[in-house]
Amino acid sequence: MRIFKFGGASVKDADGVRNVVNVLKTAGHENTLLVVSAMGKTTNAMEVVVKNYFENKNALAESIEVIVDYHNGILGDLFSTDQHPVYAQFNTLIEELTGFLAWNKSPKYSFVYDQVVSYGELISTTILSAYFNEVGLKNKWLDVRNFIKTDDKYRDAHVDWDTTQQKISEGVDRKSLNITQGFLGSDENNFTTTLGREGSDYTAAIFAYCLNADSVTIWKDVPGVLNADPRYFENPELLHQISYREAIELAFYGASVIHPKTLQPLQRKEIPLFVKSFINPDADGTVVSKGKGIVPDVPCFIMKKELVLIKLSSLDFSFIVEDNISEIFKLLADSRMKVDLIQNSAISFSVCVDNKFNQLDTLLKSLKSKFKVTHYEDVSLYTIRHFNEKAITSLQNGKDILLEQRTKETVQLVVK
């Protein structure tokens, strides 16, 4: 069995949906499970709904209407009549969404976030499944929440592997074309959970692991894994082959093509991961598998934006030792900060973090009670794997370097 993952860019409009059909006709669709993201920027639009629910109830209905109009436009382009059953299915999902917002009593942002944002994937897969049936690609629509079971750490849930393995093994027909949602799961009370932004790649890996799949293919709008993000770097090169270890390193440092959690389950069963272009499905793309580190052997550039650099020093110039560092990391964990870089000396400690849960003010208040604190917001972290001096120089020109760190294979620069 094969697992295909299609992201939001591949299904952002009706032409994108039609192109997915062409990809399946080119690559084959027997014994295949599709993991599909929300259409286009729907997740962002759903986040606006959540924000308005908590902060601006007067704008709530309008923000939902934006989502309805966007998907109705795609439906109208794909189906010849608005009497098609998919319209009723779509309207039911919207009614479920508005119903939840009406009866929900929970004040917890992350809980509400997961219940609301999940409708992006439920809607996209409902539309794709109906269109596939319309053009003769018979398929089974699966609610991923019945298969991937997690804890209740909303917005960043952890998979219950034993239960998930059992449900996938028993519930997925390996001989069919299956369509399911990325990014989602459910807890023991059957409330929806999410696996973190960009978690659809991880969903594909979970199904591959539990089904002992032959391969996973992530279909992107780029030719494969590039050595740099073309949005920020000129003339990126295609990497033809990457080892699991190297791909995990790149993902850890923030390479956006592959989700950090995706690779571990694939590596455990040596399931190859292909990253290919949905624009040119016949091209080879990139394979992540057992073997050489990277081919060709070139520097790989990664940039993460909108981070926070925090520099700490002891109030009395005493050493920052194990007890202090343990306390710092507890505060970081309590604030749900994603740590991207650390550096310490005898009397100082620097950490670059992603303030994804907007807990910076709380964290700084706690730190300032124990340390002298300087912080810089909206910094960028550049990482170069397999660096050379030319690569470093190309990044340093014209930038204010706040921190630099080198290991044998990696250099990292925090810049303002």
Protein backbone atom coordinates (compact mmCIF):
# COMPACT_ATOMS: atom_id res chain seq x y z
CA MET A 1 0.00 0.00 0.00
CA ARG A 2 1.08 3.59 -0.69
CA ILE A 3 0.34 6.79 1.20
CA PHE A 4 -0.03 10.06 -0.73
CA LYS A 5 -0.22 13.42 1.04
CA PHE A 6 -1.61 16.51 -0.67
CA GLY A 7 -1.20 19.88 1.04
CA GLY A 8 -3.39 22.97 0.89
CA ALA A 9 -1.58 24.45 -2.12
CA SER A 10 -2.44 21.40 -4.23
CA VAL A 11 -6.20 21.76 -3.60
CA LYS A 12 -6.52 25.54 -3.29
CA ASP A 13 -9.09 25.76 -6.12
CA ALA A 14 -11.09 23.64 -8.54
CA ASP A 15 -8.21 23.36 -11.01
CA GLY A 16 -6.06 22.05 -8.16
CA VAL A 17 -8.62 19.35 -7.37
CA ARG A 18 -8.75 18.36 -11.03
CA ASN A 19 -4.96 18.21 -11.09
CA VAL A 20 -4.96 15.79 -8.14
CA VAL A 21 -7.07 13.49 -10.32
CA ASN A 22 -4.44 13.81 -13.07
CA VAL A 23 -1.68 13.01 -10.58
CA LEU A 24 -3.52 9.88 -9.48
CA LYS A 25 -4.04 8.80 -13.07
CA THR A 26 -0.32 9.31 -13.72
CA ALA A 27 1.03 7.76 -10.51
CA GLY A 28 -1.72 5.17 -10.00
CA HIS A 29 -4.39 5.05 -7.31
CA GLU A 30 -4.93 1.39 -6.46
CA ASN A 31 -4.11 0.35 -2.88
CA THR A 32 -3.60 3.99 -2.00
CA LEU A 33 -4.54 6.17 0.95
CA LEU A 34 -4.71 9.93 0.45
CA VAL A 35 -4.05 12.32 3.33
CA VAL A 36 -5.38 15.77 2.45
CA SER A 37 -4.98 19.17 4.10
CA ALA A 38 -7.46 22.04 4.23
CA MET A 39 -7.87 23.91 0.96
CA GLY A 40 -5.56 26.85 0.30
CA LYS A 41 -5.38 29.19 3.29
CA THR A 42 -8.46 27.75 4.99
CA THR A 43 -6.59 26.97 8.22
CA ASN A 44 -5.65 30.65 8.48
CA ALA A 45 -9.29 31.61 7.90
CA MET A 46 -10.40 29.15 10.58
CA GLU A 47 -7.91 30.74 12.98
CA VAL A 48 -9.63 34.07 12.36
CA VAL A 49 -12.92 32.43 13.35
CA VAL A 50 -11.36 31.24 16.62
CA LYS A 51 -9.90 34.70 17.28
CA ASN A 52 -13.24 36.39 16.64
CA TYR A 53 -15.04 33.87 18.86
CA PHE A 54 -12.90 34.97 21.80
CA GLU A 55 -12.27 38.62 20.98
CA ASN A 56 -14.84 39.99 18.52
CA LYS A 57 -18.18 38.19 18.46
CA ASN A 58 -19.62 40.84 16.12
CA ALA A 59 -17.26 39.69 13.37
CA LEU A 60 -17.77 35.95 13.94
CA ALA A 61 -20.55 35.36 11.42
CA GLU A 62 -18.72 37.29 8.72
CA SER A 63 -15.51 35.29 9.22
CA ILE A 64 -17.48 32.05 8.82
CA GLU A 65 -19.17 33.42 5.71
CA VAL A 66 -15.73 34.02 4.13
CA ILE A 67 -15.04 30.29 4.48
CA VAL A 68 -18.49 29.34 3.14
CA ASP A 69 -18.14 31.60 0.08
CA TYR A 70 -14.63 30.30 -0.69
CA HIS A 71 -15.69 26.66 -0.68
CA ASN A 72 -18.97 27.34 -2.50
CA GLY A 73 -16.89 28.88 -5.28
CA ILE A 74 -14.88 25.66 -5.59
CA LEU A 75 -18.02 23.51 -5.41
CA GLY A 76 -19.70 25.57 -8.14
CA ASP A 77 -16.69 25.07 -10.42
CA LEU A 78 -16.46 21.31 -9.82
CA PHE A 79 -20.11 20.22 -9.89
CA SER A 80 -22.67 20.97 -12.60
CA THR A 81 -25.60 21.44 -10.22
CA ASP A 82 -26.08 22.77 -6.71
CA GLN A 83 -28.41 19.83 -6.15
CA HIS A 84 -25.42 17.48 -5.91
CA PRO A 85 -25.39 15.69 -2.52
CA VAL A 86 -21.98 17.21 -1.67
CA TYR A 87 -23.68 20.56 -1.04
CA ALA A 88 -25.80 19.02 1.71
CA GLN A 89 -22.70 17.39 3.19
CA PHE A 90 -20.87 20.72 3.12
CA ASN A 91 -23.79 22.57 4.72
CA THR A 92 -23.99 19.93 7.46
CA LEU A 93 -20.34 20.50 8.32
CA ILE A 94 -20.88 24.26 8.48
CA GLU A 95 -23.91 23.72 10.71
CA GLU A 96 -21.79 21.53 13.01
CA LEU A 97 -19.18 24.30 13.19
CA THR A 98 -21.67 27.05 14.01
CA GLY A 99 -23.48 24.72 16.42
CA PHE A 100 -20.28 24.07 18.35
CA LEU A 101 -19.57 27.79 18.62
CA ALA A 102 -23.11 28.33 19.93
CA TRP A 103 -23.14 25.65 22.64
CA ASN A 104 -19.48 25.52 23.67
CA LYS A 105 -18.85 26.50 27.29
CA SER A 106 -15.10 25.86 27.44
CA PRO A 107 -12.96 28.97 27.89
CA LYS A 108 -9.82 27.10 26.78
CA TYR A 109 -8.43 28.59 23.59
CA SER A 110 -6.51 25.49 22.49
CA PHE A 111 -9.56 23.23 22.93
CA VAL A 112 -11.77 25.55 20.89
CA TYR A 113 -9.01 25.95 18.31
CA ASP A 114 -8.87 22.22 17.61
CA GLN A 115 -12.64 21.78 17.38
CA VAL A 116 -12.98 24.69 14.94
CA VAL A 117 -9.87 24.49 12.75
CA SER A 118 -10.46 20.79 12.05
CA TYR A 119 -13.40 21.61 9.79
CA GLY A 120 -10.98 22.78 7.12
CA GLU A 121 -9.76 19.22 6.57
CA LEU A 122 -13.23 17.68 6.96
CA ILE A 123 -14.58 20.00 4.26
CA SER A 124 -11.68 19.55 1.83
CA THR A 125 -11.76 15.75 1.96
CA THR A 126 -15.56 15.70 1.62
CA ILE A 127 -15.30 17.76 -1.58
CA LEU A 128 -12.45 15.66 -2.99
CA SER A 129 -14.17 12.38 -2.23
CA ALA A 130 -17.37 13.53 -3.95
CA TYR A 131 -15.52 14.83 -7.00
CA PHE A 132 -13.46 11.66 -7.32
CA ASN A 133 -16.64 9.59 -7.33
CA GLU A 134 -18.09 11.97 -9.92
CA VAL A 135 -15.20 11.34 -12.33
CA GLY A 136 -15.06 7.59 -11.76
CA LEU A 137 -12.41 7.30 -9.04
CA LYS A 138 -14.38 5.28 -6.53
CA ASN A 139 -13.09 5.85 -3.01
CA LYS A 140 -13.79 5.53 0.68
CA TRP A 141 -13.94 8.67 2.86
CA LEU A 142 -12.46 8.01 6.28
CA ASP A 143 -12.85 10.21 9.36
CA VAL A 144 -9.27 10.23 10.66
CA ARG A 145 -10.53 10.93 14.18
CA ASN A 146 -11.78 7.34 14.31
CA PHE A 147 -8.27 6.07 13.62
CA ILE A 148 -5.61 8.34 15.14
CA LYS A 149 -6.13 8.47 18.89
CA THR A 150 -4.20 10.93 21.02
CA ASP A 151 -3.95 12.50 24.44
CA ASP A 152 -5.77 15.76 25.16
CA LYS A 153 -2.85 18.13 24.67
CA TYR A 154 -4.80 20.29 22.26
CA ARG A 155 -2.94 21.92 19.34
CA ASP A 156 0.06 19.62 19.88
CA ALA A 157 -1.38 16.19 20.68
CA HIS A 158 0.69 13.06 21.22
CA VAL A 159 -0.31 9.85 19.46
CA ASP A 160 -1.50 6.80 21.41
CA TRP A 161 0.35 4.37 19.16
CA ASP A 162 -1.12 1.10 20.45
CA THR A 163 -4.74 2.18 20.05
CA THR A 164 -4.02 3.91 16.75
CA GLN A 165 -2.28 0.80 15.39
CA GLN A 166 -5.27 -1.35 16.28
CA LYS A 167 -7.86 0.97 14.76
CA ILE A 168 -5.94 1.50 11.52
CA SER A 169 -5.16 -2.21 11.11
CA GLU A 170 -8.79 -3.16 11.63
CA GLY A 171 -10.52 -0.27 9.87
CA VAL A 172 -8.63 0.54 6.65
CA ASP A 173 -9.43 -1.39 3.47
CA ARG A 174 -6.01 -1.77 1.87
CA LYS A 175 -7.43 -2.63 -1.56
CA SER A 176 -9.38 0.61 -1.99
CA LEU A 177 -8.62 4.23 -2.74
CA ASN A 178 -9.06 5.89 0.66
CA ILE A 179 -9.28 9.60 1.46
CA THR A 180 -8.74 10.99 4.94
CA GLN A 181 -7.73 14.18 6.72
CA GLY A 182 -4.29 15.30 7.74
CA PHE A 183 -3.43 17.10 10.98
CA LEU A 184 -6.30 15.66 13.07
CA GLY A 185 -6.92 13.02 15.72
CA SER A 186 -9.20 12.60 18.71
CA ASP A 187 -8.79 12.04 22.44
CA GLU A 188 -10.39 9.38 24.64
CA ASN A 189 -13.55 11.50 24.91
CA ASN A 190 -13.71 11.79 21.10
CA PHE A 191 -12.98 15.50 21.09
CA THR A 192 -10.94 16.56 18.09
CA THR A 193 -7.23 17.14 18.57
CA THR A 194 -4.57 18.43 16.20
CA LEU A 195 -0.97 17.30 15.75
CA GLY A 196 0.59 20.75 15.33
CA ARG A 197 0.70 23.02 12.29
CA GLU A 198 1.84 21.22 9.14
CA GLY A 199 0.95 17.97 10.89
CA SER A 200 -0.54 16.38 7.76
CA ASP A 201 2.89 14.98 6.82
CA TYR A 202 2.95 13.32 10.23
CA THR A 203 -0.50 11.87 9.61
CA ALA A 204 0.79 10.26 6.44
CA ALA A 205 3.71 8.74 8.35
CA ILE A 206 1.41 7.39 11.07
CA PHE A 207 -0.75 5.57 8.51
CA ALA A 208 2.35 4.31 6.68
CA TYR A 209 3.81 2.91 9.88
CA CYS A 210 0.59 1.23 10.99
CA LEU A 211 -0.15 -0.21 7.52
CA ASN A 212 3.45 -1.25 6.75
CA ALA A 213 3.17 0.85 3.59
CA ASP A 214 5.58 0.52 0.69
CA SER A 215 6.16 4.28 0.53
CA VAL A 216 4.93 7.76 1.41
CA THR A 217 4.77 10.51 -1.21
CA ILE A 218 4.33 14.16 -0.29
CA TRP A 219 3.10 16.11 -3.30
CA LYS A 220 4.33 19.71 -3.29
CA ASP A 221 4.46 22.76 -5.56
CA VAL A 222 8.26 22.43 -5.72
CA PRO A 223 10.29 19.76 -7.59
CA GLY A 224 11.34 18.05 -4.34
CA VAL A 225 13.46 18.94 -1.32
CA LEU A 226 15.61 21.93 -2.18
CA ASN A 227 18.77 23.00 -0.39
CA ALA A 228 17.11 26.36 0.38
CA ASP A 229 13.64 27.88 0.47
CA PRO A 230 13.17 29.66 -2.90
CA ARG A 231 11.09 32.36 -1.16
CA TYR A 232 14.19 33.58 0.68
CA PHE A 233 17.23 32.28 -1.22
CA GLU A 234 18.22 32.58 -4.86
CA ASN A 235 19.01 29.64 -7.16
CA PRO A 236 18.18 26.72 -4.83
CA GLU A 237 19.33 23.23 -5.87
CA LEU A 238 17.29 20.02 -5.86
CA LEU A 239 18.49 17.33 -3.46
CA HIS A 240 18.00 13.99 -5.19
CA GLN A 241 18.56 11.79 -2.14
CA ILE A 242 18.66 12.39 1.62
CA SER A 243 19.27 9.89 4.40
CA TYR A 244 16.77 9.60 7.23
CA ARG A 245 19.32 10.99 9.64
CA GLU A 246 20.09 14.03 7.51
CA ALA A 247 16.40 14.68 6.87
CA ILE A 248 15.71 14.53 10.61
CA GLU A 249 18.52 17.04 11.18
CA LEU A 250 17.11 19.37 8.52
CA ALA A 251 13.60 19.05 9.93
CA PHE A 252 14.84 19.70 13.46
CA TYR A 253 16.47 22.93 12.34
CA GLY A 254 13.25 24.04 10.65
CA ALA A 255 13.30 22.90 7.01
CA SER A 256 9.68 23.45 5.99
CA VAL A 257 9.33 20.69 3.40
CA ILE A 258 9.18 17.82 5.92
CA HIS A 259 7.46 17.95 9.31
CA PRO A 260 9.86 17.16 12.17
CA LYS A 261 7.74 14.30 13.54
CA THR A 262 7.23 12.67 10.16
CA LEU A 263 10.53 10.88 9.79
CA GLN A 264 10.89 8.85 12.99
CA PRO A 265 8.10 6.31 12.26
CA LEU A 266 9.26 5.97 8.66
CA GLN A 267 12.85 5.37 9.70
CA ARG A 268 11.84 2.67 12.18
CA LYS A 269 10.39 0.57 9.37
CA GLU A 270 12.67 1.92 6.61
CA ILE A 271 9.70 3.18 4.58
CA PRO A 272 10.99 5.51 1.83
CA LEU A 273 9.59 9.03 1.66
CA PHE A 274 9.29 10.68 -1.75
CA VAL A 275 8.83 14.43 -2.15
CA LYS A 276 7.51 15.14 -5.63
CA SER A 277 5.88 17.89 -7.67
CA PHE A 278 2.14 17.78 -8.29
CA ILE A 279 2.85 20.11 -11.22
CA ASN A 280 5.19 17.57 -12.84
CA PRO A 281 4.31 14.18 -11.35
CA ASP A 282 6.56 12.25 -13.76
CA ALA A 283 9.72 13.91 -12.39
CA ASP A 284 11.86 11.95 -9.92
CA GLY A 285 11.76 14.45 -7.05
CA THR A 286 13.61 13.62 -3.84
CA VAL A 287 13.77 10.33 -1.96
CA VAL A 288 14.44 10.16 1.77
CA SER A 289 15.70 6.69 2.62
CA LYS A 290 18.59 4.69 3.98
CA GLY A 291 21.86 5.66 2.32
CA LYS A 292 24.14 8.64 1.72
CA GLY A 293 23.65 11.86 3.68
CA ILE A 294 22.69 14.16 0.83
CA VAL A 295 23.14 14.01 -2.94
CA PRO A 296 24.49 16.36 -4.20
CA ASP A 297 26.71 17.40 -1.29
CA VAL A 298 25.95 21.13 -1.07
CA PRO A 299 25.27 23.55 1.83
CA CYS A 300 21.64 23.55 2.98
CA PHE A 301 20.12 26.85 4.12
CA ILE A 302 17.21 27.09 6.58
CA MET A 303 15.57 30.25 7.90
CA LYS A 304 13.07 30.61 10.74
CA LYS A 305 11.46 34.02 11.19
CA GLU A 306 9.63 35.85 13.99
CA LEU A 307 11.57 34.25 16.83
CA VAL A 308 12.66 35.70 20.19
CA LEU A 309 16.24 35.74 21.46
CA ILE A 310 16.49 35.84 25.26
CA LYS A 311 19.83 36.50 26.97
CA LEU A 312 20.14 35.78 30.70
CA SER A 313 22.88 36.48 33.20
CA SER A 314 23.03 35.99 36.96
CA LEU A 315 22.13 38.98 39.11
CA ASP A 316 25.24 38.56 41.29
CA PHE A 317 27.68 37.39 38.56
CA SER A 318 27.65 33.86 39.98
CA PHE A 319 27.92 30.88 37.65
CA ILE A 320 24.86 29.66 35.78
CA VAL A 321 25.04 25.96 36.55
CA GLU A 322 22.83 22.87 36.43
CA ASP A 323 20.22 24.07 38.93
CA ASN A 324 19.79 27.37 37.10
CA ILE A 325 19.58 25.71 33.69
CA SER A 326 17.05 23.19 34.97
CA GLU A 327 14.92 26.03 36.30
CA ILE A 328 15.17 27.94 33.01
CA PHE A 329 14.01 24.93 31.01
CA LYS A 330 11.12 24.32 33.37
CA LEU A 331 9.95 27.88 32.80
CA LEU A 332 10.35 27.43 29.04
CA ALA A 333 8.33 24.21 29.18
CA ASP A 334 5.62 25.77 31.35
CA SER A 335 5.33 28.58 28.79
CA ARG A 336 5.20 26.03 25.92
CA MET A 337 8.15 27.68 24.20
CA LYS A 338 9.74 25.83 21.29
CA VAL A 339 13.50 26.07 21.80
CA ASP A 340 15.48 26.46 18.57
CA LEU A 341 18.96 27.27 19.90
CA ILE A 342 20.78 27.49 23.22
CA GLN A 343 24.21 28.81 24.15
CA ASN A 344 25.72 29.23 27.58
CA SER A 345 28.91 30.36 29.28
CA ALA A 346 29.92 30.56 32.93
CA ILE A 347 27.68 33.53 33.76
CA SER A 348 25.30 33.81 30.79
CA PHE A 349 22.68 31.76 29.01
CA SER A 350 21.08 32.56 25.64
CA VAL A 351 18.07 30.87 24.12
CA CYS A 352 16.23 31.46 20.83
CA VAL A 353 12.56 30.46 21.05
CA ASP A 354 9.36 30.36 19.03
CA ASN A 355 6.60 32.16 20.95
CA LYS A 356 3.85 30.21 19.15
CA PHE A 357 1.51 30.20 22.17
CA ASN A 358 2.00 33.92 22.99
CA GLN A 359 3.37 33.31 26.48
CA LEU A 360 6.40 35.60 26.17
CA ASP A 361 5.27 38.22 28.69
CA THR A 362 4.56 35.57 31.33
CA LEU A 363 7.93 33.92 30.70
CA LEU A 364 9.89 37.18 30.88
CA LYS A 365 8.20 38.15 34.14
CA SER A 366 9.24 34.84 35.71
CA LEU A 367 12.79 35.06 34.38
CA LYS A 368 13.29 38.65 35.56
CA SER A 369 12.59 37.63 39.13
CA LYS A 370 15.73 35.46 39.05
CA PHE A 371 18.04 36.75 36.29
CA LYS A 372 19.14 39.83 34.45
CA VAL A 373 17.22 39.58 31.18
CA THR A 374 17.68 41.10 27.72
CA HIS A 375 15.44 40.02 24.90
CA TYR A 376 15.08 40.72 21.17
CA GLU A 377 11.79 40.10 19.40
CA ASP A 378 11.21 39.36 15.70
CA VAL A 379 14.66 37.92 15.07
CA SER A 380 15.52 35.39 12.37
CA LEU A 381 17.52 32.20 12.82
CA TYR A 382 19.63 31.07 9.88
CA THR A 383 21.00 27.53 9.89
CA ILE A 384 23.50 26.18 7.35
CA ARG A 385 24.10 22.43 7.25
CA HIS A 386 27.37 21.35 5.56
CA PHE A 387 28.51 24.96 5.56
CA ASN A 388 31.51 26.51 3.90
CA GLU A 389 32.93 30.02 4.32
CA LYS A 390 31.29 31.24 1.12
CA ALA A 391 27.90 30.15 2.43
CA ILE A 392 28.45 31.91 5.75
CA THR A 393 29.63 35.11 4.10
CA SER A 394 26.55 35.18 1.87
CA LEU A 395 24.37 35.36 4.98
CA GLN A 396 26.45 37.75 7.06
CA ASN A 397 26.52 40.62 4.58
CA GLY A 398 24.46 43.57 5.81
CA LYS A 399 22.98 41.77 8.80
CA ASP A 400 23.21 42.51 12.52
CA ILE A 401 24.49 39.23 14.02
CA LEU A 402 23.19 38.84 17.59
CA LEU A 403 24.54 35.34 18.16
CA GLU A 404 26.63 32.77 16.27
CA GLN A 405 27.13 29.09 17.02
CA ARG A 406 29.11 26.44 15.14
CA THR A 407 29.48 22.69 15.27
CA LYS A 408 31.39 20.47 12.88
CA GLU A 409 28.58 20.35 10.28
CA THR A 410 26.27 23.20 11.23
CA VAL A 411 26.49 26.95 11.76
CA GLN A 412 23.62 29.01 13.18
CA LEU A 413 23.23 32.78 13.11
CA VAL A 414 20.60 34.79 14.98
CA VAL A 415 20.12 38.09 13.17
CA LYS A 416 17.98 41.17 13.61
